[in-house]
Each structure stands twice: as C-alpha cells, then as structure tokens.
N, C-alpha and C. Protein backbone atom coordinates (compact mmCIF):
# COMPACT_ATOMS: atom_id res chain seq x y z
N UNK A 1 -14.87 13.87 -9.82
CA UNK A 1 -13.53 14.01 -10.36
C UNK A 1 -12.68 14.82 -9.39
N UNK A 2 -11.48 14.41 -9.20
CA UNK A 2 -10.56 15.09 -8.28
C UNK A 2 -10.12 16.43 -8.87
N UNK A 3 -9.83 17.36 -8.00
CA UNK A 3 -9.36 18.68 -8.43
C UNK A 3 -7.95 18.57 -9.00
N UNK A 4 -7.69 19.37 -10.01
CA UNK A 4 -6.38 19.43 -10.62
C UNK A 4 -5.68 20.69 -10.13
N UNK A 5 -4.40 20.54 -9.79
CA UNK A 5 -3.61 21.68 -9.35
C UNK A 5 -2.41 21.82 -10.29
N UNK A 6 -1.80 22.98 -10.28
CA UNK A 6 -0.62 23.23 -11.10
C UNK A 6 0.61 23.19 -10.19
N UNK A 7 1.62 22.42 -10.61
CA UNK A 7 2.89 22.35 -9.88
C UNK A 7 4.03 22.58 -10.86
N UNK A 8 5.10 23.18 -10.38
CA UNK A 8 6.28 23.45 -11.19
C UNK A 8 7.29 22.33 -11.01
N UNK A 9 7.82 21.81 -12.13
CA UNK A 9 8.85 20.77 -12.09
C UNK A 9 9.78 20.99 -13.26
N UNK A 10 11.07 21.08 -12.98
CA UNK A 10 12.09 21.28 -14.01
C UNK A 10 11.78 22.48 -14.89
N UNK A 11 11.25 23.53 -14.26
CA UNK A 11 10.97 24.76 -14.99
C UNK A 11 9.71 24.73 -15.83
N UNK A 12 8.93 23.66 -15.76
CA UNK A 12 7.69 23.55 -16.52
C UNK A 12 6.52 23.37 -15.57
N UNK A 13 5.35 23.85 -15.99
CA UNK A 13 4.15 23.66 -15.20
C UNK A 13 3.49 22.33 -15.57
N UNK A 14 3.05 21.63 -14.53
CA UNK A 14 2.35 20.35 -14.71
C UNK A 14 0.99 20.41 -14.04
N UNK A 15 0.00 19.84 -14.71
CA UNK A 15 -1.29 19.63 -14.07
C UNK A 15 -1.16 18.33 -13.30
N UNK A 16 -1.58 18.35 -12.05
CA UNK A 16 -1.41 17.21 -11.16
C UNK A 16 -2.75 16.90 -10.52
N UNK A 17 -3.09 15.63 -10.49
CA UNK A 17 -4.35 15.19 -9.90
C UNK A 17 -4.09 13.98 -9.02
N UNK A 18 -4.67 13.99 -7.83
CA UNK A 18 -4.62 12.82 -6.95
C UNK A 18 -5.68 11.82 -7.40
N UNK A 19 -5.30 10.55 -7.45
CA UNK A 19 -6.22 9.49 -7.83
C UNK A 19 -6.47 8.63 -6.59
N UNK A 20 -7.73 8.47 -6.24
CA UNK A 20 -8.06 7.64 -5.08
C UNK A 20 -7.95 6.17 -5.44
N UNK A 21 -7.81 5.33 -4.45
CA UNK A 21 -7.72 3.90 -4.69
C UNK A 21 -8.96 3.36 -5.39
N UNK A 22 -10.13 3.84 -5.02
CA UNK A 22 -11.36 3.33 -5.63
C UNK A 22 -11.51 3.74 -7.09
N UNK A 23 -10.81 4.80 -7.50
CA UNK A 23 -10.88 5.26 -8.89
C UNK A 23 -9.81 4.62 -9.77
N UNK A 24 -8.95 3.84 -9.20
CA UNK A 24 -7.84 3.23 -9.93
C UNK A 24 -8.14 1.77 -10.21
N UNK A 25 -8.29 1.41 -11.48
CA UNK A 25 -8.65 0.04 -11.84
C UNK A 25 -7.59 -0.67 -12.69
N UNK A 26 -6.52 0.03 -13.04
CA UNK A 26 -5.47 -0.55 -13.87
C UNK A 26 -4.12 -0.46 -13.17
N UNK A 27 -3.18 -1.22 -13.66
CA UNK A 27 -1.79 -1.10 -13.21
C UNK A 27 -1.08 -0.08 -14.10
N UNK A 28 -0.17 0.66 -13.50
CA UNK A 28 0.65 1.63 -14.22
C UNK A 28 2.09 1.48 -13.76
N UNK A 29 3.03 1.88 -14.60
CA UNK A 29 4.44 1.86 -14.22
C UNK A 29 4.84 3.28 -13.83
N UNK A 30 5.32 3.43 -12.63
CA UNK A 30 5.73 4.73 -12.11
C UNK A 30 7.05 5.15 -12.77
N UNK A 31 7.11 6.33 -13.38
CA UNK A 31 8.38 6.78 -13.98
C UNK A 31 9.43 7.16 -12.94
N UNK A 32 9.03 7.32 -11.69
CA UNK A 32 9.98 7.69 -10.65
C UNK A 32 10.81 6.53 -10.16
N UNK A 33 10.17 5.35 -10.04
CA UNK A 33 10.88 4.18 -9.49
C UNK A 33 10.82 2.96 -10.40
N UNK A 34 10.08 3.06 -11.49
CA UNK A 34 9.92 1.97 -12.46
C UNK A 34 9.17 0.76 -11.89
N UNK A 35 8.55 0.91 -10.73
CA UNK A 35 7.77 -0.18 -10.13
C UNK A 35 6.30 -0.01 -10.51
N UNK A 36 5.54 -1.10 -10.39
CA UNK A 36 4.11 -1.04 -10.72
C UNK A 36 3.32 -0.31 -9.63
N UNK A 37 2.35 0.44 -10.10
CA UNK A 37 1.32 0.98 -9.22
C UNK A 37 0.14 0.04 -9.42
N UNK A 38 -0.21 -0.69 -8.42
CA UNK A 38 -1.24 -1.71 -8.54
C UNK A 38 -2.65 -1.10 -8.55
N UNK A 39 -3.61 -1.81 -9.16
CA UNK A 39 -4.99 -1.33 -9.12
C UNK A 39 -5.43 -1.10 -7.67
N UNK A 40 -6.26 -0.10 -7.48
CA UNK A 40 -6.80 0.29 -6.17
C UNK A 40 -5.79 0.98 -5.28
N UNK A 41 -4.60 1.29 -5.79
CA UNK A 41 -3.60 2.02 -5.00
C UNK A 41 -3.74 3.52 -5.28
N UNK A 42 -3.90 4.33 -4.24
CA UNK A 42 -3.92 5.78 -4.47
C UNK A 42 -2.59 6.23 -5.07
N UNK A 43 -2.64 7.18 -5.98
CA UNK A 43 -1.42 7.68 -6.61
C UNK A 43 -1.70 9.05 -7.23
N UNK A 44 -0.76 9.56 -8.00
CA UNK A 44 -0.85 10.88 -8.63
C UNK A 44 -0.71 10.70 -10.13
N UNK A 45 -1.47 11.47 -10.88
CA UNK A 45 -1.28 11.53 -12.32
C UNK A 45 -0.89 12.97 -12.67
N UNK A 46 0.11 13.13 -13.55
CA UNK A 46 0.63 14.45 -13.89
C UNK A 46 0.90 14.52 -15.38
N UNK A 47 0.70 15.72 -15.95
CA UNK A 47 0.99 15.94 -17.36
C UNK A 47 1.34 17.42 -17.55
N UNK A 48 2.15 17.71 -18.56
CA UNK A 48 2.58 19.10 -18.77
C UNK A 48 1.42 19.98 -19.24
N UNK A 49 1.39 21.22 -18.74
CA UNK A 49 0.39 22.19 -19.18
C UNK A 49 0.61 22.51 -20.65
N UNK A 50 1.88 22.72 -21.02
CA UNK A 50 2.25 22.98 -22.42
C UNK A 50 2.83 21.69 -22.97
N UNK A 51 2.20 21.13 -24.01
CA UNK A 51 2.69 19.85 -24.54
C UNK A 51 4.05 19.98 -25.23
N UNK A 52 4.75 18.85 -25.29
CA UNK A 52 6.01 18.83 -26.03
C UNK A 52 5.71 18.93 -27.52
N UNK A 53 6.72 19.16 -28.30
CA UNK A 53 6.54 19.27 -29.74
C UNK A 53 5.99 17.97 -30.34
N UNK A 54 6.35 16.83 -29.75
CA UNK A 54 5.92 15.55 -30.29
C UNK A 54 4.42 15.33 -30.16
N UNK A 55 3.80 15.91 -29.13
CA UNK A 55 2.37 15.68 -28.93
C UNK A 55 1.56 16.96 -29.06
N UNK A 56 2.16 18.03 -29.55
CA UNK A 56 1.47 19.31 -29.61
C UNK A 56 0.29 19.31 -30.58
N UNK A 57 0.18 18.32 -31.44
CA UNK A 57 -0.93 18.28 -32.39
C UNK A 57 -2.28 18.12 -31.69
N UNK A 58 -2.31 17.65 -30.46
CA UNK A 58 -3.58 17.49 -29.74
C UNK A 58 -3.99 18.77 -29.03
N UNK A 59 -3.07 19.69 -28.85
CA UNK A 59 -3.38 20.93 -28.18
C UNK A 59 -3.30 20.87 -26.67
N UNK A 60 -2.95 19.72 -26.11
CA UNK A 60 -2.79 19.62 -24.66
C UNK A 60 -1.72 18.59 -24.34
N UNK A 61 -1.26 18.64 -23.10
CA UNK A 61 -0.23 17.69 -22.67
C UNK A 61 -0.81 16.41 -22.11
N UNK A 62 -2.14 16.21 -22.21
CA UNK A 62 -2.77 15.02 -21.63
C UNK A 62 -2.19 13.73 -22.21
N UNK A 63 -1.79 13.76 -23.47
CA UNK A 63 -1.18 12.56 -24.07
C UNK A 63 0.13 12.19 -23.39
N UNK A 64 0.69 13.11 -22.64
CA UNK A 64 1.95 12.87 -21.94
C UNK A 64 1.74 12.57 -20.46
N UNK A 65 0.51 12.32 -20.05
CA UNK A 65 0.25 12.08 -18.62
C UNK A 65 0.92 10.80 -18.17
N UNK A 66 1.39 10.84 -16.96
CA UNK A 66 2.06 9.70 -16.34
C UNK A 66 1.52 9.51 -14.94
N UNK A 67 1.42 8.28 -14.54
CA UNK A 67 0.94 7.92 -13.21
C UNK A 67 2.15 7.65 -12.33
N UNK A 68 2.19 8.29 -11.17
CA UNK A 68 3.31 8.23 -10.24
C UNK A 68 2.83 7.75 -8.88
N UNK A 69 3.67 7.01 -8.17
CA UNK A 69 3.42 6.81 -6.74
C UNK A 69 3.46 8.21 -6.12
N UNK A 70 2.61 8.46 -5.17
CA UNK A 70 2.56 9.78 -4.54
C UNK A 70 3.92 10.18 -3.97
N UNK A 71 4.59 9.25 -3.27
CA UNK A 71 5.88 9.57 -2.68
C UNK A 71 6.95 9.80 -3.75
N UNK A 72 6.87 9.11 -4.89
CA UNK A 72 7.84 9.34 -5.97
C UNK A 72 7.65 10.72 -6.58
N UNK A 73 6.39 11.13 -6.77
CA UNK A 73 6.14 12.47 -7.31
C UNK A 73 6.66 13.54 -6.35
N UNK A 74 6.44 13.35 -5.07
CA UNK A 74 6.87 14.36 -4.09
C UNK A 74 8.39 14.48 -4.01
N UNK A 75 9.12 13.40 -4.23
CA UNK A 75 10.59 13.46 -4.11
C UNK A 75 11.30 13.63 -5.46
N UNK A 76 10.56 13.77 -6.52
CA UNK A 76 11.15 13.88 -7.85
C UNK A 76 12.16 14.96 -7.91
C-alpha cells in the first residue's frame, strides 16, 4: 500500500495517496478537469482528514475520496 501524506487545500487537511498504474483497475472522473482517468493510469486519490457534515456519520472523510490526475491535483 502506498504511503499517505497530509496536504493542505482550501484551508483543510487532506490525506493524499499516489496510486500506481498497476494498482488502478477502474476508470474514475477527475474533479479537476472532468476527464476520465483510465485504468492503469497513475494518479492521486485524496480525501479530507475531517469529514464534512454530510458524511461525518462514518467518522472519516474516506467516503469523500476523489481520484485526480496527478497534474490536476498539483495545480488545483
């Protein structure tokens, strides 16, 4: 499993993990550019450390995780 790091975005802390191409088997829609991240494409997955009120019942922000193209996450 890839290491998770904490990054600050819009005043909130996000857990961020790099996903290797070999670990990626599904397509995802990048919230940065709205384009597909194809299977086997390296990318980033990020979720808030503190969940929003809508998903706080789970106790973590994992339900809010989003898959981003690496370059989209970096330029957000």
